[in-house]
Amino acid sequence: EAMPVNSQGKSTEAALTALFDPKRPPFRVRERSPER
């Protein structure tokens, strides 16, 4: 839904590479709020 960003608002190569870790499940955001 949106690029992963760190606390500086940047999409780091490490964070993008982690998306392809076979241990990490693919997912999609359906709904989002501050607590849910």
PDB file of all heavy atoms in Angstrom:
ATOM      1  N   GLU A   1       0.826  -1.205   0.000  1.00  0.00           N
ATOM      2  CA  GLU A   1       0.000   0.000   0.000  1.00  0.00           C
ATOM      3  C   GLU A   1       0.861   1.256   0.000  1.00  0.00           C
ATOM      4  O   GLU A   1       0.487   2.286  -0.552  1.00  0.00           O
ATOM      5  CB  GLU A   1      -0.904   0.008   1.236  1.00  0.00           C
ATOM      6  CG  GLU A   1      -1.920  -1.108   1.277  1.00  0.00           C
ATOM      7  CD  GLU A   1      -3.098  -0.864   0.366  1.00  0.00           C
ATOM      8  OE1 GLU A   1      -3.247   0.263  -0.108  1.00  0.00           O
ATOM      9  OE2 GLU A   1      -3.870  -1.806   0.143  1.00  0.00           O
ATOM     10  N   ALA A   2       2.024   1.189   0.634  1.00  0.00           N
ATOM     11  CA  ALA A   2       2.960   2.315   0.695  1.00  0.00           C
ATOM     12  C   ALA A   2       4.346   1.758   0.947  1.00  0.00           C
ATOM     13  O   ALA A   2       4.509   0.702   1.569  1.00  0.00           O
ATOM     14  CB  ALA A   2       2.574   3.297   1.797  1.00  0.00           C
ATOM     15  N   MET A   3       5.357   2.470   0.473  1.00  0.00           N
ATOM     16  CA  MET A   3       6.728   2.036   0.696  1.00  0.00           C
ATOM     17  C   MET A   3       7.047   2.062   2.194  1.00  0.00           C
ATOM     18  O   MET A   3       6.628   2.982   2.907  1.00  0.00           O
ATOM     19  CB  MET A   3       7.705   2.965  -0.037  1.00  0.00           C
ATOM     20  CG  MET A   3       7.705   2.802  -1.542  1.00  0.00           C
ATOM     21  SD  MET A   3       8.459   1.238  -2.036  1.00  0.00           S
ATOM     22  CE  MET A   3       8.262   1.344  -3.826  1.00  0.00           C
ATOM     23  N   PRO A   4       7.780   1.069   2.689  1.00  0.00           N
ATOM     24  CA  PRO A   4       8.184   1.119   4.099  1.00  0.00           C
ATOM     25  C   PRO A   4       9.168   2.254   4.311  1.00  0.00           C
ATOM     26  O   PRO A   4      10.087   2.442   3.516  1.00  0.00           O
ATOM     27  CB  PRO A   4       8.857  -0.237   4.314  1.00  0.00           C
ATOM     28  CG  PRO A   4       9.354  -0.636   2.957  1.00  0.00           C
ATOM     29  CD  PRO A   4       8.358  -0.082   1.978  1.00  0.00           C
ATOM     30  N   VAL A   5       8.951   3.024   5.363  1.00  0.00           N
ATOM     31  CA  VAL A   5       9.850   4.138   5.650  1.00  0.00           C
ATOM     32  C   VAL A   5      10.311   4.046   7.090  1.00  0.00           C
ATOM     33  O   VAL A   5       9.624   3.491   7.952  1.00  0.00           O
ATOM     34  CB  VAL A   5       9.178   5.511   5.397  1.00  0.00           C
ATOM     35  CG1 VAL A   5       8.859   5.685   3.923  1.00  0.00           C
ATOM     36  CG2 VAL A   5       7.913   5.666   6.237  1.00  0.00           C
ATOM     37  N   ASN A   6      11.505   4.579   7.343  1.00  0.00           N
ATOM     38  CA  ASN A   6      12.016   4.608   8.705  1.00  0.00           C
ATOM     39  C   ASN A   6      11.609   5.905   9.380  1.00  0.00           C
ATOM     40  O   ASN A   6      10.795   6.667   8.850  1.00  0.00           O
ATOM     41  CB  ASN A   6      13.542   4.420   8.709  1.00  0.00           C
ATOM     42  CG  ASN A   6      14.267   5.507   7.915  1.00  0.00           C
ATOM     43  OD1 ASN A   6      13.682   6.541   7.564  1.00  0.00           O
ATOM     44  ND2 ASN A   6      15.530   5.293   7.633  1.00  0.00           N
ATOM     45  N   SER A   7      12.160   6.172  10.542  1.00  0.00           N
ATOM     46  CA  SER A   7      11.775   7.366  11.301  1.00  0.00           C
ATOM     47  C   SER A   7      12.169   8.651  10.594  1.00  0.00           C
ATOM     48  O   SER A   7      11.697   9.725  10.946  1.00  0.00           O
ATOM     49  CB  SER A   7      12.420   7.342  12.687  1.00  0.00           C
ATOM     50  OG  SER A   7      13.832   7.268  12.576  1.00  0.00           O
ATOM     51  N   GLN A   8      13.038   8.558   9.589  1.00  0.00           N
ATOM     52  CA  GLN A   8      13.420   9.742   8.810  1.00  0.00           C
ATOM     53  C   GLN A   8      12.593   9.876   7.548  1.00  0.00           C
ATOM     54  O   GLN A   8      12.847  10.744   6.715  1.00  0.00           O
ATOM     55  CB  GLN A   8      14.903   9.667   8.441  1.00  0.00           C
ATOM     56  CG  GLN A   8      15.819   9.628   9.640  1.00  0.00           C
ATOM     57  CD  GLN A   8      16.648   8.368   9.662  1.00  0.00           C
ATOM     58  OE1 GLN A   8      17.126   7.931   8.630  1.00  0.00           O
ATOM     59  NE2 GLN A   8      16.829   7.783  10.816  1.00  0.00           N
ATOM     60  N   GLY A   9      11.601   8.975   7.362  1.00  0.00           N
ATOM     61  CA  GLY A   9      10.778   9.029   6.170  1.00  0.00           C
ATOM     62  C   GLY A   9      11.456   8.469   4.940  1.00  0.00           C
ATOM     63  O   GLY A   9      11.021   8.749   3.822  1.00  0.00           O
ATOM     64  N   LYS A  10      12.509   7.671   5.116  1.00  0.00           N
ATOM     65  CA  LYS A  10      13.252   7.118   3.983  1.00  0.00           C
ATOM     66  C   LYS A  10      12.976   5.620   3.841  1.00  0.00           C
ATOM     67  O   LYS A  10      12.809   4.911   4.827  1.00  0.00           O
ATOM     68  CB  LYS A  10      14.758   7.328   4.185  1.00  0.00           C
ATOM     69  CG  LYS A  10      15.192   8.796   4.275  1.00  0.00           C
ATOM     70  CD  LYS A  10      15.045   9.488   2.939  1.00  0.00           C
ATOM     71  CE  LYS A  10      15.632  10.888   2.964  1.00  0.00           C
ATOM     72  NZ  LYS A  10      17.097  10.906   3.087  1.00  0.00           N
ATOM     73  N   SER A  11      12.967   5.157   2.586  1.00  0.00           N
ATOM     74  CA  SER A  11      12.883   3.730   2.301  1.00  0.00           C
ATOM     75  C   SER A  11      14.301   3.205   2.132  1.00  0.00           C
ATOM     76  O   SER A  11      14.933   3.458   1.107  1.00  0.00           O
ATOM     77  CB  SER A  11      12.066   3.470   1.032  1.00  0.00           C
ATOM     78  OG  SER A  11      10.726   3.868   1.191  1.00  0.00           O
ATOM     79  N   THR A  12      14.808   2.512   3.112  1.00  0.00           N
ATOM     80  CA  THR A  12      16.182   2.037   3.059  1.00  0.00           C
ATOM     81  C   THR A  12      16.262   0.732   2.265  1.00  0.00           C
ATOM     82  O   THR A  12      15.296  -0.026   2.180  1.00  0.00           O
ATOM     83  CB  THR A  12      16.754   1.803   4.458  1.00  0.00           C
ATOM     84  OG1 THR A  12      16.075   0.692   5.053  1.00  0.00           O
ATOM     85  CG2 THR A  12      16.594   3.042   5.326  1.00  0.00           C
ATOM     86  N   GLU A  13      17.441   0.481   1.705  1.00  0.00           N
ATOM     87  CA  GLU A  13      17.623  -0.760   0.957  1.00  0.00           C
ATOM     88  C   GLU A  13      17.481  -1.964   1.874  1.00  0.00           C
ATOM     89  O   GLU A  13      16.974  -3.014   1.466  1.00  0.00           O
ATOM     90  CB  GLU A  13      18.988  -0.764   0.264  1.00  0.00           C
ATOM     91  CG  GLU A  13      19.179  -1.957  -0.652  1.00  0.00           C
ATOM     92  CD  GLU A  13      20.244  -1.735  -1.696  1.00  0.00           C
ATOM     93  OE1 GLU A  13      20.190  -0.718  -2.421  1.00  0.00           O
ATOM     94  OE2 GLU A  13      21.135  -2.594  -1.792  1.00  0.00           O
ATOM     95  N   ALA A  14      17.914  -1.835   3.119  1.00  0.00           N
ATOM     96  CA  ALA A  14      17.782  -2.948   4.063  1.00  0.00           C
ATOM     97  C   ALA A  14      16.312  -3.294   4.291  1.00  0.00           C
ATOM     98  O   ALA A  14      15.937  -4.474   4.329  1.00  0.00           O
ATOM     99  CB  ALA A  14      18.456  -2.598   5.378  1.00  0.00           C
ATOM    100  N   ALA A  15      15.465  -2.264   4.455  1.00  0.00           N
ATOM    101  CA  ALA A  15      14.039  -2.520   4.685  1.00  0.00           C
ATOM    102  C   ALA A  15      13.384  -3.127   3.452  1.00  0.00           C
ATOM    103  O   ALA A  15      12.522  -4.006   3.563  1.00  0.00           O
ATOM    104  CB  ALA A  15      13.340  -1.218   5.066  1.00  0.00           C
ATOM    105  N   LEU A  16      13.784  -2.666   2.268  1.00  0.00           N
ATOM    106  CA  LEU A  16      13.217  -3.217   1.039  1.00  0.00           C
ATOM    107  C   LEU A  16      13.671  -4.656   0.832  1.00  0.00           C
ATOM    108  O   LEU A  16      12.886  -5.521   0.431  1.00  0.00           O
ATOM    109  CB  LEU A  16      13.620  -2.348  -0.154  1.00  0.00           C
ATOM    110  CG  LEU A  16      13.088  -0.906  -0.130  1.00  0.00           C
ATOM    111  CD1 LEU A  16      13.699  -0.091  -1.253  1.00  0.00           C
ATOM    112  CD2 LEU A  16      11.569  -0.895  -0.239  1.00  0.00           C
ATOM    113  N   THR A  17      14.942  -4.931   1.098  1.00  0.00           N
ATOM    114  CA  THR A  17      15.451  -6.300   0.954  1.00  0.00           C
ATOM    115  C   THR A  17      14.754  -7.250   1.912  1.00  0.00           C
ATOM    116  O   THR A  17      14.479  -8.413   1.576  1.00  0.00           O
ATOM    117  CB  THR A  17      16.973  -6.322   1.191  1.00  0.00           C
ATOM    118  OG1 THR A  17      17.611  -5.454   0.242  1.00  0.00           O
ATOM    119  CG2 THR A  17      17.534  -7.721   1.040  1.00  0.00           C
ATOM    120  N   ALA A  18      14.442  -6.760   3.113  1.00  0.00           N
ATOM    121  CA  ALA A  18      13.784  -7.606   4.111  1.00  0.00           C
ATOM    122  C   ALA A  18      12.410  -8.088   3.643  1.00  0.00           C
ATOM    123  O   ALA A  18      11.912  -9.114   4.109  1.00  0.00           O
ATOM    124  CB  ALA A  18      13.640  -6.851   5.428  1.00  0.00           C
ATOM    125  N   LEU A  19      11.796  -7.368   2.695  1.00  0.00           N
ATOM    126  CA  LEU A  19      10.497  -7.785   2.181  1.00  0.00           C
ATOM    127  C   LEU A  19      10.571  -9.121   1.448  1.00  0.00           C
ATOM    128  O   LEU A  19       9.552  -9.783   1.240  1.00  0.00           O
ATOM    129  CB  LEU A  19       9.942  -6.713   1.230  1.00  0.00           C
ATOM    130  CG  LEU A  19       9.649  -5.343   1.843  1.00  0.00           C
ATOM    131  CD1 LEU A  19       9.288  -4.345   0.757  1.00  0.00           C
ATOM    132  CD2 LEU A  19       8.529  -5.443   2.867  1.00  0.00           C
ATOM    133  N   PHE A  20      11.779  -9.498   1.037  1.00  0.00           N
ATOM    134  CA  PHE A  20      11.947 -10.741   0.273  1.00  0.00           C
ATOM    135  C   PHE A  20      12.509 -11.870   1.132  1.00  0.00           C
ATOM    136  O   PHE A  20      12.849 -12.925   0.605  1.00  0.00           O
ATOM    137  CB  PHE A  20      12.837 -10.478  -0.944  1.00  0.00           C
ATOM    138  CG  PHE A  20      12.234  -9.506  -1.918  1.00  0.00           C
ATOM    139  CD1 PHE A  20      12.476  -8.143  -1.796  1.00  0.00           C
ATOM    140  CD2 PHE A  20      11.394  -9.948  -2.924  1.00  0.00           C
ATOM    141  CE1 PHE A  20      11.901  -7.240  -2.680  1.00  0.00           C
ATOM    142  CE2 PHE A  20      10.810  -9.056  -3.811  1.00  0.00           C
ATOM    143  CZ  PHE A  20      11.058  -7.696  -3.696  1.00  0.00           C
ATOM    144  N   ASP A  21      12.620 -11.655   2.413  1.00  0.00           N
ATOM    145  CA  ASP A  21      13.039 -12.708   3.323  1.00  0.00           C
ATOM    146  C   ASP A  21      11.989 -13.816   3.285  1.00  0.00           C
ATOM    147  O   ASP A  21      10.804 -13.568   3.504  1.00  0.00           O
ATOM    148  CB  ASP A  21      13.154 -12.139   4.748  1.00  0.00           C
ATOM    149  CG  ASP A  21      13.739 -13.132   5.733  1.00  0.00           C
ATOM    150  OD1 ASP A  21      13.568 -14.356   5.531  1.00  0.00           O
ATOM    151  OD2 ASP A  21      14.360 -12.691   6.717  1.00  0.00           O
ATOM    152  N   PRO A  22      12.393 -15.046   2.988  1.00  0.00           N
ATOM    153  CA  PRO A  22      11.396 -16.127   2.895  1.00  0.00           C
ATOM    154  C   PRO A  22      10.652 -16.369   4.199  1.00  0.00           C
ATOM    155  O   PRO A  22       9.597 -16.997   4.206  1.00  0.00           O
ATOM    156  CB  PRO A  22      12.239 -17.345   2.498  1.00  0.00           C
ATOM    157  CG  PRO A  22      13.636 -17.004   2.888  1.00  0.00           C
ATOM    158  CD  PRO A  22      13.757 -15.526   2.722  1.00  0.00           C
ATOM    159  N   LYS A  23      11.191 -15.873   5.308  1.00  0.00           N
ATOM    160  CA  LYS A  23      10.516 -16.056   6.584  1.00  0.00           C
ATOM    161  C   LYS A  23       9.437 -14.999   6.828  1.00  0.00           C
ATOM    162  O   LYS A  23       8.666 -15.107   7.781  1.00  0.00           O
ATOM    163  CB  LYS A  23      11.534 -16.012   7.720  1.00  0.00           C
ATOM    164  CG  LYS A  23      12.545 -17.153   7.674  1.00  0.00           C
ATOM    165  CD  LYS A  23      13.526 -17.054   8.833  1.00  0.00           C
ATOM    166  CE  LYS A  23      14.529 -18.191   8.802  1.00  0.00           C
ATOM    167  NZ  LYS A  23      15.498 -18.099   9.914  1.00  0.00           N
ATOM    168  N   ARG A  24       9.396 -13.973   6.007  1.00  0.00           N
ATOM    169  CA  ARG A  24       8.428 -12.889   6.184  1.00  0.00           C
ATOM    170  C   ARG A  24       7.226 -13.129   5.284  1.00  0.00           C
ATOM    171  O   ARG A  24       7.369 -13.307   4.089  1.00  0.00           O
ATOM    172  CB  ARG A  24       9.084 -11.555   5.825  1.00  0.00           C
ATOM    173  CG  ARG A  24       8.172 -10.356   5.945  1.00  0.00           C
ATOM    174  CD  ARG A  24       8.870  -9.128   5.388  1.00  0.00           C
ATOM    175  NE  ARG A  24       8.082  -7.933   5.561  1.00  0.00           N
ATOM    176  CZ  ARG A  24       7.104  -7.560   4.757  1.00  0.00           C
ATOM    177  NH1 ARG A  24       6.792  -8.318   3.724  1.00  0.00           N
ATOM    178  NH2 ARG A  24       6.433  -6.455   4.975  1.00  0.00           N
ATOM    179  N   PRO A  25       6.009 -13.121   5.823  1.00  0.00           N
ATOM    180  CA  PRO A  25       4.841 -13.424   4.992  1.00  0.00           C
ATOM    181  C   PRO A  25       4.440 -12.225   4.121  1.00  0.00           C
ATOM    182  O   PRO A  25       4.481 -11.084   4.577  1.00  0.00           O
ATOM    183  CB  PRO A  25       3.747 -13.706   6.038  1.00  0.00           C
ATOM    184  CG  PRO A  25       4.126 -12.854   7.208  1.00  0.00           C
ATOM    185  CD  PRO A  25       5.641 -12.851   7.229  1.00  0.00           C
ATOM    186  N   PRO A  26       4.062 -12.472   2.864  1.00  0.00           N
ATOM    187  CA  PRO A  26       3.499 -11.378   2.063  1.00  0.00           C
ATOM    188  C   PRO A  26       2.168 -10.928   2.673  1.00  0.00           C
ATOM    189  O   PRO A  26       1.385 -11.755   3.147  1.00  0.00           O
ATOM    190  CB  PRO A  26       3.282 -12.021   0.686  1.00  0.00           C
ATOM    191  CG  PRO A  26       4.087 -13.286   0.696  1.00  0.00           C
ATOM    192  CD  PRO A  26       4.143 -13.729   2.122  1.00  0.00           C
ATOM    193  N   PHE A  27       1.918  -9.622   2.660  1.00  0.00           N
ATOM    194  CA  PHE A  27       0.661  -9.139   3.233  1.00  0.00           C
ATOM    195  C   PHE A  27       0.224  -7.869   2.515  1.00  0.00           C
ATOM    196  O   PHE A  27       0.984  -7.229   1.797  1.00  0.00           O
ATOM    197  CB  PHE A  27       0.819  -8.861   4.729  1.00  0.00           C
ATOM    198  CG  PHE A  27       1.641  -7.639   5.047  1.00  0.00           C
ATOM    199  CD1 PHE A  27       1.051  -6.389   5.193  1.00  0.00           C
ATOM    200  CD2 PHE A  27       3.014  -7.731   5.194  1.00  0.00           C
ATOM    201  CE1 PHE A  27       1.812  -5.265   5.474  1.00  0.00           C
ATOM    202  CE2 PHE A  27       3.786  -6.622   5.475  1.00  0.00           C
ATOM    203  CZ  PHE A  27       3.188  -5.385   5.610  1.00  0.00           C
ATOM    204  N   ARG A  28      -1.039  -7.516   2.735  1.00  0.00           N
ATOM    205  CA  ARG A  28      -1.598  -6.279   2.217  1.00  0.00           C
ATOM    206  C   ARG A  28      -2.421  -5.612   3.297  1.00  0.00           C
ATOM    207  O   ARG A  28      -3.109  -6.287   4.069  1.00  0.00           O
ATOM    208  CB  ARG A  28      -2.518  -6.591   1.037  1.00  0.00           C
ATOM    209  CG  ARG A  28      -2.384  -5.583  -0.093  1.00  0.00           C
ATOM    210  CD  ARG A  28      -3.424  -5.851  -1.160  1.00  0.00           C
ATOM    211  NE  ARG A  28      -4.178  -4.651  -1.400  1.00  0.00           N
ATOM    212  CZ  ARG A  28      -5.284  -4.586  -2.094  1.00  0.00           C
ATOM    213  NH1 ARG A  28      -5.800  -5.660  -2.589  1.00  0.00           N
ATOM    214  NH2 ARG A  28      -5.879  -3.449  -2.290  1.00  0.00           N
ATOM    215  N   VAL A  29      -2.341  -4.290   3.388  1.00  0.00           N
ATOM    216  CA  VAL A  29      -3.107  -3.562   4.403  1.00  0.00           C
ATOM    217  C   VAL A  29      -4.532  -3.371   3.907  1.00  0.00           C
ATOM    218  O   VAL A  29      -4.763  -2.858   2.815  1.00  0.00           O
ATOM    219  CB  VAL A  29      -2.464  -2.183   4.693  1.00  0.00           C
ATOM    220  CG1 VAL A  29      -3.313  -1.428   5.719  1.00  0.00           C
ATOM    221  CG2 VAL A  29      -1.050  -2.349   5.196  1.00  0.00           C
ATOM    222  N   ARG A  30      -5.476  -3.803   4.723  1.00  0.00           N
ATOM    223  CA  ARG A  30      -6.896  -3.580   4.396  1.00  0.00           C
ATOM    224  C   ARG A  30      -7.445  -2.356   5.117  1.00  0.00           C
ATOM    225  O   ARG A  30      -8.162  -1.552   4.540  1.00  0.00           O
ATOM    226  CB  ARG A  30      -7.716  -4.816   4.792  1.00  0.00           C
ATOM    227  CG  ARG A  30      -7.520  -6.015   3.871  1.00  0.00           C
ATOM    228  CD  ARG A  30      -8.413  -7.168   4.327  1.00  0.00           C
ATOM    229  NE  ARG A  30      -8.351  -8.295   3.429  1.00  0.00           N
ATOM    230  CZ  ARG A  30      -8.924  -9.469   3.669  1.00  0.00           C
ATOM    231  NH1 ARG A  30      -9.598  -9.642   4.801  1.00  0.00           N
ATOM    232  NH2 ARG A  30      -8.824 -10.452   2.800  1.00  0.00           N
ATOM    233  N   GLU A  31      -7.144  -2.243   6.399  1.00  0.00           N
ATOM    234  CA  GLU A  31      -7.601  -1.103   7.196  1.00  0.00           C
ATOM    235  C   GLU A  31      -6.483  -0.704   8.139  1.00  0.00           C
ATOM    236  O   GLU A  31      -5.698  -1.547   8.569  1.00  0.00           O
ATOM    237  CB  GLU A  31      -8.857  -1.452   8.015  1.00  0.00           C
ATOM    238  CG  GLU A  31     -10.050  -1.883   7.196  1.00  0.00           C
ATOM    239  CD  GLU A  31     -11.207  -2.337   8.081  1.00  0.00           C
ATOM    240  OE1 GLU A  31     -11.210  -1.975   9.282  1.00  0.00           O
ATOM    241  OE2 GLU A  31     -12.075  -3.073   7.594  1.00  0.00           O
ATOM    242  N   ARG A  32      -6.426   0.615   8.462  1.00  0.00           N
ATOM    243  CA  ARG A  32      -5.377   1.057   9.372  1.00  0.00           C
ATOM    244  C   ARG A  32      -5.877   2.245  10.177  1.00  0.00           C
ATOM    245  O   ARG A  32      -6.549   3.131   9.666  1.00  0.00           O
ATOM    246  CB  ARG A  32      -4.124   1.455   8.580  1.00  0.00           C
ATOM    247  CG  ARG A  32      -2.971   1.832   9.475  1.00  0.00           C
ATOM    248  CD  ARG A  32      -1.742   2.309   8.731  1.00  0.00           C
ATOM    249  NE  ARG A  32      -1.757   2.209   7.312  1.00  0.00           N
ATOM    250  CZ  ARG A  32      -0.804   1.638   6.586  1.00  0.00           C
ATOM    251  NH1 ARG A  32       0.212   1.075   7.187  1.00  0.00           N
ATOM    252  NH2 ARG A  32      -0.863   1.624   5.278  1.00  0.00           N
ATOM    253  N   SER A  33      -5.574   2.244  11.468  1.00  0.00           N
ATOM    254  CA  SER A  33      -5.849   3.379  12.353  1.00  0.00           C
ATOM    255  C   SER A  33      -4.713   3.422  13.363  1.00  0.00           C
ATOM    256  O   SER A  33      -3.862   2.524  13.395  1.00  0.00           O
ATOM    257  CB  SER A  33      -7.204   3.203  13.046  1.00  0.00           C
ATOM    258  OG  SER A  33      -7.134   2.196  14.033  1.00  0.00           O
ATOM    259  N   PRO A  34      -4.656   4.453  14.220  1.00  0.00           N
ATOM    260  CA  PRO A  34      -3.548   4.528  15.182  1.00  0.00           C
ATOM    261  C   PRO A  34      -3.443   3.339  16.125  1.00  0.00           C
ATOM    262  O   PRO A  34      -2.349   3.001  16.563  1.00  0.00           O
ATOM    263  CB  PRO A  34      -3.850   5.814  15.952  1.00  0.00           C
ATOM    264  CG  PRO A  34      -4.629   6.651  14.998  1.00  0.00           C
ATOM    265  CD  PRO A  34      -5.462   5.687  14.218  1.00  0.00           C
ATOM    266  N   GLU A  35      -4.583   2.679  16.432  1.00  0.00           N
ATOM    267  CA  GLU A  35      -4.540   1.568  17.394  1.00  0.00           C
ATOM    268  C   GLU A  35      -4.880   0.222  16.774  1.00  0.00           C
ATOM    269  O   GLU A  35      -4.856  -0.804  17.468  1.00  0.00           O
ATOM    270  CB  GLU A  35      -5.516   1.825  18.558  1.00  0.00           C
ATOM    271  CG  GLU A  35      -5.187   3.027  19.417  1.00  0.00           C
ATOM    272  CD  GLU A  35      -5.755   4.309  18.833  1.00  0.00           C
ATOM    273  OE1 GLU A  35      -6.731   4.222  18.044  1.00  0.00           O
ATOM    274  OE2 GLU A  35      -5.214   5.386  19.145  1.00  0.00           O
ATOM    275  N   ARG A  36      -5.182   0.173  15.478  1.00  0.00           N
ATOM    276  CA  ARG A  36      -5.626  -1.092  14.881  1.00  0.00           C
ATOM    277  C   ARG A  36      -5.227  -1.151  13.416  1.00  0.00           C
ATOM    278  O   ARG A  36      -5.282  -0.145  12.697  1.00  0.00           O
ATOM    279  CB  ARG A  36      -7.147  -1.223  14.995  1.00  0.00           C
ATOM    280  CG  ARG A  36      -7.746  -2.467  14.342  1.00  0.00           C
ATOM    281  CD  ARG A  36      -9.264  -2.465  14.516  1.00  0.00           C
ATOM    282  NE  ARG A  36      -9.898  -3.589  13.863  1.00  0.00           N
ATOM    283  CZ  ARG A  36     -10.298  -3.591  12.594  1.00  0.00           C
ATOM    284  NH1 ARG A  36     -10.113  -2.501  11.840  1.00  0.00           N
ATOM    285  NH2 ARG A  36     -10.878  -4.661  12.061  1.00  0.00           N
TER     286      ARG A  36
END
